[in-house]
Amino acid sequence: MYKELLTIKEGSLTTIKKEVTHICNEWELPPSYLEFTTELGFGRLLGLFLTYIPMGEQSPYCDALEHQNTYWKGIFKQYLQTPLSILKKQETQELVANAEPFLYSENGEIVFWDVRNPKNGEFPIYLANFPVGIYFAGNNFQEFITNLTSKETFKSILKFYEDPLPATFEPLTLNI
């Protein structure tokens, strides 16, 4: 499905080699993201976001989703202890406190799931641009991609961008 949605640039795909459906015991990875990591895997999505694949807790790769998720959750905890104006509302604090980050942009935005509200195994996806704002980006991973590449919807998420993002995926190589 994602190969029809995106233009794939030259390179060798690094995809999931074994069935990993959890990165922690409390919740399962959404089917739309598992499908993406199985089909395309690790790389640069939309010319901006680094996509991480689940590889198991003991993975030696620093770019494994498990390691990146843990790292960004720690950053989110630090943000909660900082007096940012976007975190004044209790509901926003709770959203950040329960965030499960899974993508990082080369411009500093962090994309995360709100695992408190699953629907059919999927979680709402948000884009955080600290200290500017947190924006709802889609109900599943395909919708996230579509919303950021559509002229009609990208501006509601990417406030300071002039154009929608390109519908591209560039495979990257994992190094230990």
N, C-alpha and C. Protein backbone atom coordinates (compact mmCIF):
# COMPACT_ATOMS: atom_id res chain seq x y z
N MET A 1 0.81 -1.20 0.00
CA MET A 1 0.00 0.00 0.00
C MET A 1 0.86 1.27 0.00
N TYR A 2 1.91 1.32 0.83
CA TYR A 2 2.72 2.54 0.94
C TYR A 2 3.56 2.77 -0.32
N LYS A 3 3.89 1.70 -1.04
CA LYS A 3 4.65 1.86 -2.28
C LYS A 3 3.81 2.55 -3.35
N GLU A 4 2.48 2.46 -3.24
CA GLU A 4 1.59 3.17 -4.16
C GLU A 4 1.38 4.61 -3.71
N LEU A 5 1.50 4.87 -2.44
CA LEU A 5 1.26 6.19 -1.87
C LEU A 5 2.48 7.11 -1.99
N LEU A 6 3.67 6.52 -2.03
CA LEU A 6 4.92 7.28 -2.00
C LEU A 6 5.81 6.96 -3.19
N THR A 7 6.64 7.91 -3.57
CA THR A 7 7.70 7.67 -4.53
C THR A 7 8.91 7.19 -3.74
N ILE A 8 9.42 6.00 -4.09
CA ILE A 8 10.53 5.41 -3.36
C ILE A 8 11.83 5.78 -4.07
N LYS A 9 12.74 6.41 -3.35
CA LYS A 9 14.03 6.79 -3.92
C LYS A 9 14.96 5.57 -3.95
N GLU A 10 16.06 5.71 -4.68
CA GLU A 10 17.04 4.62 -4.80
C GLU A 10 17.60 4.25 -3.44
N GLY A 11 17.85 2.97 -3.27
CA GLY A 11 18.46 2.49 -2.03
C GLY A 11 17.91 1.14 -1.65
N SER A 12 18.59 0.50 -0.74
CA SER A 12 18.20 -0.81 -0.26
C SER A 12 17.30 -0.65 0.97
N LEU A 13 16.14 -1.30 0.95
CA LEU A 13 15.19 -1.19 2.06
C LEU A 13 15.68 -1.97 3.28
N THR A 14 15.56 -1.37 4.46
CA THR A 14 15.85 -2.03 5.73
C THR A 14 14.53 -2.17 6.46
N THR A 15 13.96 -3.37 6.41
CA THR A 15 12.63 -3.60 6.99
C THR A 15 12.73 -4.54 8.18
N ILE A 16 11.59 -4.77 8.83
CA ILE A 16 11.53 -5.67 9.98
C ILE A 16 11.94 -7.07 9.53
N LYS A 17 12.85 -7.66 10.28
CA LYS A 17 13.31 -9.02 9.97
C LYS A 17 12.58 -10.08 10.78
N LYS A 18 12.02 -9.66 11.90
CA LYS A 18 11.27 -10.60 12.73
C LYS A 18 10.01 -9.92 13.22
N GLU A 19 9.07 -10.70 13.66
CA GLU A 19 7.78 -10.18 14.11
C GLU A 19 7.92 -9.51 15.47
N VAL A 20 7.94 -8.18 15.48
CA VAL A 20 7.97 -7.40 16.72
C VAL A 20 6.72 -6.53 16.69
N THR A 21 5.78 -6.79 17.59
CA THR A 21 4.52 -6.04 17.58
C THR A 21 4.38 -5.12 18.78
N HIS A 22 5.32 -5.18 19.71
CA HIS A 22 5.30 -4.33 20.91
C HIS A 22 6.66 -3.66 21.08
N ILE A 23 6.66 -2.46 21.62
CA ILE A 23 7.93 -1.89 22.08
C ILE A 23 7.89 -1.71 23.59
N CYS A 24 6.73 -1.99 24.18
CA CYS A 24 6.59 -2.10 25.63
C CYS A 24 5.41 -3.04 25.89
N ASN A 25 5.22 -3.44 27.11
CA ASN A 25 4.20 -4.44 27.42
C ASN A 25 2.77 -3.89 27.44
N GLU A 26 2.61 -2.58 27.55
CA GLU A 26 1.28 -2.01 27.74
C GLU A 26 0.44 -1.88 26.48
N TRP A 27 1.03 -1.79 25.31
CA TRP A 27 0.27 -1.55 24.10
C TRP A 27 0.97 -2.13 22.87
N GLU A 28 0.18 -2.45 21.85
CA GLU A 28 0.72 -2.98 20.60
C GLU A 28 0.93 -1.86 19.59
N LEU A 29 1.91 -2.03 18.74
CA LEU A 29 2.13 -1.07 17.67
C LEU A 29 0.92 -1.08 16.73
N PRO A 30 0.52 0.08 16.23
CA PRO A 30 -0.63 0.16 15.33
C PRO A 30 -0.39 -0.61 14.03
N PRO A 31 -1.43 -1.27 13.51
CA PRO A 31 -1.29 -2.03 12.26
C PRO A 31 -0.78 -1.20 11.09
N SER A 32 -1.20 0.06 10.98
CA SER A 32 -0.77 0.88 9.84
C SER A 32 0.73 1.15 9.89
N TYR A 33 1.31 1.31 11.09
CA TYR A 33 2.74 1.54 11.19
C TYR A 33 3.51 0.23 11.00
N LEU A 34 2.99 -0.87 11.53
CA LEU A 34 3.64 -2.17 11.30
C LEU A 34 3.68 -2.49 9.81
N GLU A 35 2.60 -2.19 9.10
CA GLU A 35 2.58 -2.41 7.66
C GLU A 35 3.65 -1.56 6.97
N PHE A 36 3.78 -0.31 7.38
CA PHE A 36 4.80 0.57 6.82
C PHE A 36 6.20 0.02 7.07
N THR A 37 6.49 -0.39 8.32
CA THR A 37 7.83 -0.86 8.65
C THR A 37 8.15 -2.19 7.97
N THR A 38 7.13 -2.98 7.68
CA THR A 38 7.33 -4.23 6.96
C THR A 38 7.56 -3.98 5.48
N GLU A 39 6.85 -3.00 4.93
CA GLU A 39 6.94 -2.71 3.51
C GLU A 39 8.13 -1.83 3.14
N LEU A 40 8.38 -0.77 3.92
CA LEU A 40 9.44 0.19 3.57
C LEU A 40 10.54 0.29 4.61
N GLY A 41 10.20 0.34 5.89
CA GLY A 41 11.20 0.27 6.95
C GLY A 41 11.87 1.57 7.33
N PHE A 42 13.18 1.48 7.58
CA PHE A 42 13.99 2.59 8.09
C PHE A 42 14.35 3.54 6.95
N GLY A 43 14.16 4.84 7.19
CA GLY A 43 14.53 5.80 6.16
C GLY A 43 14.04 7.20 6.45
N ARG A 44 14.02 8.01 5.40
CA ARG A 44 13.56 9.40 5.49
C ARG A 44 12.23 9.50 4.76
N LEU A 45 11.18 9.82 5.50
CA LEU A 45 9.82 9.91 4.97
C LEU A 45 9.48 11.37 4.69
N LEU A 46 8.89 11.62 3.53
CA LEU A 46 8.42 12.95 3.14
C LEU A 46 9.55 13.98 3.10
N GLY A 47 10.76 13.49 2.89
CA GLY A 47 11.92 14.37 2.82
C GLY A 47 12.30 14.98 4.15
N LEU A 48 11.72 14.50 5.26
CA LEU A 48 11.89 15.18 6.55
C LEU A 48 11.99 14.27 7.77
N PHE A 49 11.15 13.24 7.84
CA PHE A 49 11.03 12.43 9.06
C PHE A 49 11.85 11.16 8.98
N LEU A 50 12.61 10.89 10.03
CA LEU A 50 13.32 9.63 10.13
C LEU A 50 12.35 8.59 10.68
N THR A 51 12.20 7.49 9.95
CA THR A 51 11.30 6.42 10.38
C THR A 51 12.13 5.34 11.06
N TYR A 52 11.68 4.90 12.19
CA TYR A 52 12.38 3.89 12.97
C TYR A 52 11.56 2.60 12.97
N ILE A 53 12.26 1.46 12.96
CA ILE A 53 11.56 0.18 12.92
C ILE A 53 11.75 -0.56 14.24
N PRO A 54 10.73 -1.30 14.66
CA PRO A 54 10.87 -2.09 15.88
C PRO A 54 11.82 -3.26 15.63
N MET A 55 12.78 -3.43 16.54
CA MET A 55 13.79 -4.48 16.35
C MET A 55 14.01 -5.31 17.60
N GLY A 56 13.22 -5.08 18.64
CA GLY A 56 13.39 -5.80 19.89
C GLY A 56 14.24 -5.01 20.87
N GLU A 57 13.96 -5.18 22.15
CA GLU A 57 14.63 -4.40 23.19
C GLU A 57 16.14 -4.57 23.19
N GLN A 58 16.62 -5.73 22.83
CA GLN A 58 18.06 -6.02 22.89
C GLN A 58 18.79 -5.63 21.61
N SER A 59 18.14 -4.92 20.73
CA SER A 59 18.76 -4.53 19.47
C SER A 59 20.00 -3.67 19.72
N PRO A 60 21.09 -3.93 18.99
CA PRO A 60 22.29 -3.10 19.15
C PRO A 60 22.19 -1.78 18.37
N TYR A 61 21.14 -1.61 17.59
CA TYR A 61 21.01 -0.43 16.75
C TYR A 61 20.40 0.74 17.52
N CYS A 62 21.09 1.86 17.55
CA CYS A 62 20.57 3.03 18.27
C CYS A 62 19.32 3.58 17.57
N ASP A 63 19.16 3.30 16.28
CA ASP A 63 17.99 3.77 15.54
C ASP A 63 16.81 2.80 15.58
N ALA A 64 16.87 1.80 16.43
CA ALA A 64 15.71 0.92 16.63
C ALA A 64 14.60 1.74 17.29
N LEU A 65 13.37 1.47 16.92
CA LEU A 65 12.23 2.21 17.47
C LEU A 65 12.22 2.17 19.00
N GLU A 66 12.55 1.03 19.58
CA GLU A 66 12.54 0.90 21.04
C GLU A 66 13.46 1.92 21.69
N HIS A 67 14.67 2.09 21.14
CA HIS A 67 15.64 3.02 21.72
C HIS A 67 15.24 4.47 21.48
N GLN A 68 14.76 4.78 20.30
CA GLN A 68 14.33 6.14 19.99
C GLN A 68 13.12 6.54 20.84
N ASN A 69 12.18 5.63 21.01
CA ASN A 69 10.99 5.89 21.83
C ASN A 69 11.39 6.23 23.26
N THR A 70 12.28 5.44 23.83
CA THR A 70 12.74 5.68 25.20
C THR A 70 13.44 7.03 25.31
N TYR A 71 14.30 7.33 24.35
CA TYR A 71 15.02 8.60 24.35
C TYR A 71 14.05 9.78 24.31
N TRP A 72 13.10 9.77 23.37
CA TRP A 72 12.19 10.91 23.22
C TRP A 72 11.19 11.02 24.37
N LYS A 73 10.82 9.89 24.98
CA LYS A 73 9.97 9.97 26.17
C LYS A 73 10.69 10.70 27.29
N GLY A 74 11.99 10.49 27.40
CA GLY A 74 12.79 11.23 28.38
C GLY A 74 12.81 12.72 28.10
N ILE A 75 12.92 13.08 26.84
CA ILE A 75 12.88 14.51 26.45
C ILE A 75 11.52 15.10 26.79
N PHE A 76 10.44 14.36 26.50
CA PHE A 76 9.09 14.84 26.81
C PHE A 76 8.94 15.08 28.31
N LYS A 77 9.50 14.21 29.14
CA LYS A 77 9.44 14.40 30.60
C LYS A 77 10.14 15.69 31.00
N GLN A 78 11.25 16.00 30.33
CA GLN A 78 11.95 17.25 30.62
C GLN A 78 11.10 18.45 30.21
N TYR A 79 10.41 18.35 29.07
CA TYR A 79 9.51 19.43 28.64
C TYR A 79 8.41 19.67 29.67
N LEU A 80 7.91 18.61 30.28
CA LEU A 80 6.85 18.76 31.28
C LEU A 80 7.33 19.52 32.52
N GLN A 81 8.63 19.52 32.76
CA GLN A 81 9.19 20.23 33.91
C GLN A 81 9.63 21.64 33.55
N THR A 82 9.41 22.04 32.29
CA THR A 82 9.79 23.36 31.81
C THR A 82 8.53 24.21 31.65
N PRO A 83 8.54 25.44 32.07
CA PRO A 83 7.33 26.28 31.96
C PRO A 83 7.09 26.78 30.52
N LEU A 84 6.64 25.88 29.64
CA LEU A 84 6.31 26.26 28.26
C LEU A 84 4.85 26.67 28.18
N SER A 85 4.57 27.71 27.42
CA SER A 85 3.18 28.18 27.31
C SER A 85 2.26 27.14 26.67
N ILE A 86 2.79 26.29 25.78
CA ILE A 86 1.92 25.29 25.16
C ILE A 86 1.51 24.19 26.13
N LEU A 87 2.15 24.12 27.28
CA LEU A 87 1.84 23.08 28.26
C LEU A 87 1.05 23.61 29.45
N LYS A 88 0.43 24.77 29.32
CA LYS A 88 -0.33 25.34 30.44
C LYS A 88 -1.62 24.59 30.71
N LYS A 89 -2.26 24.07 29.66
CA LYS A 89 -3.51 23.34 29.84
C LYS A 89 -3.24 21.93 30.36
N GLN A 90 -4.06 21.48 31.29
CA GLN A 90 -3.92 20.15 31.88
C GLN A 90 -4.03 19.06 30.81
N GLU A 91 -4.96 19.22 29.87
CA GLU A 91 -5.14 18.20 28.82
C GLU A 91 -3.90 18.07 27.94
N THR A 92 -3.19 19.17 27.68
CA THR A 92 -1.97 19.12 26.89
C THR A 92 -0.85 18.45 27.68
N GLN A 93 -0.78 18.74 28.97
CA GLN A 93 0.21 18.08 29.83
C GLN A 93 -0.02 16.58 29.86
N GLU A 94 -1.27 16.17 29.96
CA GLU A 94 -1.60 14.74 29.97
C GLU A 94 -1.27 14.08 28.63
N LEU A 95 -1.52 14.79 27.54
CA LEU A 95 -1.20 14.28 26.21
C LEU A 95 0.31 14.03 26.10
N VAL A 96 1.11 14.99 26.50
CA VAL A 96 2.57 14.85 26.43
C VAL A 96 3.05 13.78 27.42
N ALA A 97 2.46 13.70 28.60
CA ALA A 97 2.86 12.71 29.59
C ALA A 97 2.60 11.29 29.12
N ASN A 98 1.61 11.11 28.26
CA ASN A 98 1.25 9.78 27.76
C ASN A 98 1.70 9.54 26.32
N ALA A 99 2.51 10.42 25.79
CA ALA A 99 2.96 10.31 24.39
C ALA A 99 3.91 9.13 24.21
N GLU A 100 3.79 8.50 23.04
CA GLU A 100 4.71 7.44 22.62
C GLU A 100 5.35 7.88 21.31
N PRO A 101 6.49 8.57 21.37
CA PRO A 101 7.14 9.10 20.16
C PRO A 101 7.64 7.97 19.25
N PHE A 102 7.52 8.21 17.92
CA PHE A 102 8.00 7.19 16.99
C PHE A 102 8.66 7.74 15.73
N LEU A 103 8.56 9.04 15.46
CA LEU A 103 9.26 9.67 14.34
C LEU A 103 9.90 10.96 14.83
N TYR A 104 10.98 11.33 14.17
CA TYR A 104 11.66 12.59 14.48
C TYR A 104 11.99 13.27 13.17
N SER A 105 11.72 14.57 13.08
CA SER A 105 12.03 15.29 11.84
C SER A 105 13.41 15.91 11.93
N GLU A 106 14.00 16.16 10.78
CA GLU A 106 15.29 16.80 10.73
C GLU A 106 15.20 18.28 11.10
N ASN A 107 13.97 18.80 11.28
CA ASN A 107 13.77 20.17 11.74
C ASN A 107 13.41 20.24 13.22
N GLY A 108 13.37 19.11 13.89
CA GLY A 108 13.13 19.09 15.32
C GLY A 108 11.72 18.72 15.76
N GLU A 109 10.79 18.51 14.81
CA GLU A 109 9.46 18.08 15.21
C GLU A 109 9.49 16.61 15.63
N ILE A 110 8.62 16.28 16.58
CA ILE A 110 8.52 14.91 17.07
C ILE A 110 7.09 14.44 16.83
N VAL A 111 6.95 13.25 16.26
CA VAL A 111 5.63 12.68 15.98
C VAL A 111 5.38 11.57 16.99
N PHE A 112 4.17 11.57 17.58
CA PHE A 112 3.88 10.58 18.61
C PHE A 112 2.44 10.09 18.54
N TRP A 113 2.23 8.92 19.15
CA TRP A 113 0.90 8.34 19.31
C TRP A 113 0.35 8.71 20.68
N ASP A 114 -0.95 8.91 20.76
CA ASP A 114 -1.64 9.01 22.04
C ASP A 114 -2.29 7.64 22.28
N VAL A 115 -1.62 6.79 23.04
CA VAL A 115 -2.06 5.40 23.20
C VAL A 115 -3.23 5.24 24.17
N ARG A 116 -3.72 6.35 24.71
CA ARG A 116 -4.86 6.27 25.63
C ARG A 116 -6.17 6.05 24.89
N ASN A 117 -6.22 6.37 23.59
CA ASN A 117 -7.49 6.35 22.84
C ASN A 117 -7.41 5.50 21.58
N PRO A 118 -7.25 4.16 21.72
CA PRO A 118 -7.17 3.32 20.53
C PRO A 118 -8.52 3.15 19.83
N LYS A 119 -8.45 3.05 18.50
CA LYS A 119 -9.62 2.72 17.68
C LYS A 119 -9.18 1.71 16.64
N ASN A 120 -9.71 0.50 16.74
CA ASN A 120 -9.35 -0.58 15.81
C ASN A 120 -7.84 -0.82 15.78
N GLY A 121 -7.19 -0.71 16.92
CA GLY A 121 -5.76 -0.95 17.02
C GLY A 121 -4.89 0.24 16.65
N GLU A 122 -5.50 1.32 16.16
CA GLU A 122 -4.77 2.53 15.77
C GLU A 122 -4.85 3.57 16.88
N PHE A 123 -3.87 4.45 16.92
CA PHE A 123 -3.84 5.53 17.90
C PHE A 123 -3.79 6.87 17.18
N PRO A 124 -4.42 7.90 17.75
CA PRO A 124 -4.29 9.24 17.17
C PRO A 124 -2.81 9.64 17.10
N ILE A 125 -2.45 10.32 16.02
CA ILE A 125 -1.06 10.75 15.80
C ILE A 125 -1.00 12.28 15.92
N TYR A 126 0.02 12.74 16.64
CA TYR A 126 0.23 14.17 16.85
C TYR A 126 1.65 14.54 16.43
N LEU A 127 1.80 15.78 16.02
CA LEU A 127 3.11 16.34 15.71
C LEU A 127 3.39 17.44 16.73
N ALA A 128 4.51 17.31 17.44
CA ALA A 128 4.91 18.30 18.43
C ALA A 128 6.04 19.14 17.87
N ASN A 129 5.85 20.43 17.92
CA ASN A 129 6.89 21.39 17.51
C ASN A 129 7.13 22.28 18.72
N PHE A 130 8.00 21.80 19.63
CA PHE A 130 8.27 22.55 20.85
C PHE A 130 9.12 23.76 20.52
N PRO A 131 8.85 24.92 21.07
CA PRO A 131 7.79 25.28 21.99
C PRO A 131 6.56 25.88 21.30
N VAL A 132 6.40 25.66 20.01
CA VAL A 132 5.35 26.31 19.24
C VAL A 132 3.96 25.71 19.46
N GLY A 133 3.83 24.39 19.31
CA GLY A 133 2.52 23.79 19.46
C GLY A 133 2.52 22.29 19.22
N ILE A 134 1.37 21.69 19.52
CA ILE A 134 1.14 20.26 19.29
C ILE A 134 -0.11 20.17 18.43
N TYR A 135 -0.01 19.43 17.33
CA TYR A 135 -1.09 19.41 16.33
C TYR A 135 -1.52 17.99 16.01
N PHE A 136 -2.83 17.77 15.97
CA PHE A 136 -3.35 16.47 15.54
C PHE A 136 -2.98 16.27 14.08
N ALA A 137 -2.44 15.08 13.75
CA ALA A 137 -1.93 14.85 12.39
C ALA A 137 -2.62 13.70 11.67
N GLY A 138 -3.41 12.89 12.37
CA GLY A 138 -4.12 11.80 11.69
C GLY A 138 -4.54 10.71 12.65
N ASN A 139 -5.42 9.86 12.17
CA ASN A 139 -5.92 8.74 12.98
C ASN A 139 -5.15 7.45 12.74
N ASN A 140 -4.34 7.41 11.68
CA ASN A 140 -3.49 6.26 11.39
C ASN A 140 -2.32 6.75 10.55
N PHE A 141 -1.37 5.87 10.26
CA PHE A 141 -0.15 6.32 9.60
C PHE A 141 -0.38 6.75 8.15
N GLN A 142 -1.26 6.07 7.45
CA GLN A 142 -1.56 6.47 6.08
C GLN A 142 -2.20 7.86 6.05
N GLU A 143 -3.11 8.13 6.98
CA GLU A 143 -3.75 9.45 7.06
C GLU A 143 -2.72 10.53 7.42
N PHE A 144 -1.78 10.20 8.29
CA PHE A 144 -0.70 11.13 8.64
C PHE A 144 0.06 11.55 7.38
N ILE A 145 0.45 10.57 6.57
CA ILE A 145 1.19 10.86 5.33
C ILE A 145 0.34 11.71 4.40
N THR A 146 -0.90 11.32 4.21
CA THR A 146 -1.80 12.05 3.31
C THR A 146 -2.01 13.48 3.78
N ASN A 147 -2.19 13.68 5.08
CA ASN A 147 -2.42 15.03 5.61
C ASN A 147 -1.23 15.96 5.42
N LEU A 148 -0.02 15.41 5.49
CA LEU A 148 1.17 16.25 5.34
C LEU A 148 1.56 16.49 3.88
N THR A 149 1.01 15.70 2.97
CA THR A 149 1.34 15.86 1.55
C THR A 149 0.21 16.51 0.76
N SER A 150 -0.89 16.79 1.40
CA SER A 150 -2.05 17.38 0.74
C SER A 150 -2.06 18.90 0.86
N LYS A 151 -2.31 19.59 -0.24
CA LYS A 151 -2.40 21.06 -0.22
C LYS A 151 -3.53 21.54 0.67
N GLU A 152 -4.57 20.73 0.82
CA GLU A 152 -5.75 21.12 1.61
C GLU A 152 -5.53 20.98 3.11
N THR A 153 -4.63 20.10 3.55
CA THR A 153 -4.54 19.81 4.99
C THR A 153 -3.19 20.09 5.64
N PHE A 154 -2.11 20.21 4.88
CA PHE A 154 -0.79 20.29 5.51
C PHE A 154 -0.64 21.50 6.44
N LYS A 155 -1.26 22.63 6.10
CA LYS A 155 -1.09 23.87 6.87
C LYS A 155 -1.68 23.78 8.28
N SER A 156 -2.66 22.89 8.48
CA SER A 156 -3.23 22.74 9.82
C SER A 156 -2.26 22.02 10.77
N ILE A 157 -1.23 21.40 10.22
CA ILE A 157 -0.25 20.67 11.02
C ILE A 157 1.11 21.35 10.98
N LEU A 158 1.54 21.70 9.79
CA LEU A 158 2.86 22.31 9.58
C LEU A 158 2.66 23.81 9.41
N LYS A 159 2.47 24.51 10.50
CA LYS A 159 2.07 25.92 10.51
C LYS A 159 3.02 26.85 9.76
N PHE A 160 4.31 26.55 9.78
CA PHE A 160 5.29 27.47 9.21
C PHE A 160 5.87 27.00 7.87
N TYR A 161 5.23 26.02 7.27
CA TYR A 161 5.69 25.52 5.97
C TYR A 161 4.87 26.19 4.87
N GLU A 162 5.53 26.47 3.76
CA GLU A 162 4.86 27.11 2.63
C GLU A 162 4.17 26.12 1.70
N ASP A 163 4.70 24.90 1.64
CA ASP A 163 4.19 23.88 0.72
C ASP A 163 4.01 22.56 1.45
N PRO A 164 3.13 21.70 0.91
CA PRO A 164 3.03 20.36 1.49
C PRO A 164 4.34 19.61 1.30
N LEU A 165 4.55 18.59 2.10
CA LEU A 165 5.77 17.80 1.99
C LEU A 165 5.68 16.87 0.78
N PRO A 166 6.83 16.53 0.20
CA PRO A 166 6.82 15.62 -0.95
C PRO A 166 6.48 14.19 -0.52
N ALA A 167 5.70 13.50 -1.30
CA ALA A 167 5.29 12.12 -1.00
C ALA A 167 6.41 11.17 -1.41
N THR A 168 7.49 11.19 -0.63
CA THR A 168 8.67 10.39 -0.95
C THR A 168 9.12 9.57 0.26
N PHE A 169 9.87 8.51 -0.05
CA PHE A 169 10.53 7.73 0.98
C PHE A 169 11.93 7.41 0.47
N GLU A 170 12.94 7.70 1.30
CA GLU A 170 14.33 7.42 0.96
C GLU A 170 14.85 6.38 1.93
N PRO A 171 15.13 5.16 1.46
CA PRO A 171 15.67 4.13 2.35
C PRO A 171 17.03 4.55 2.89
N LEU A 172 17.29 4.26 4.16
CA LEU A 172 18.58 4.52 4.78
C LEU A 172 19.13 3.21 5.33
N THR A 173 20.44 3.16 5.53
CA THR A 173 21.10 1.97 6.04
C THR A 173 21.29 2.10 7.54
N LEU A 174 21.02 1.01 8.26
CA LEU A 174 21.28 0.98 9.69
C LEU A 174 22.72 0.60 9.95
N ASN A 175 23.38 1.33 10.83
CA ASN A 175 24.74 1.01 11.24
C ASN A 175 24.77 0.82 12.73
N ILE A 176 25.56 -0.13 13.19
CA ILE A 176 25.68 -0.35 14.64
C ILE A 176 26.57 0.73 15.22
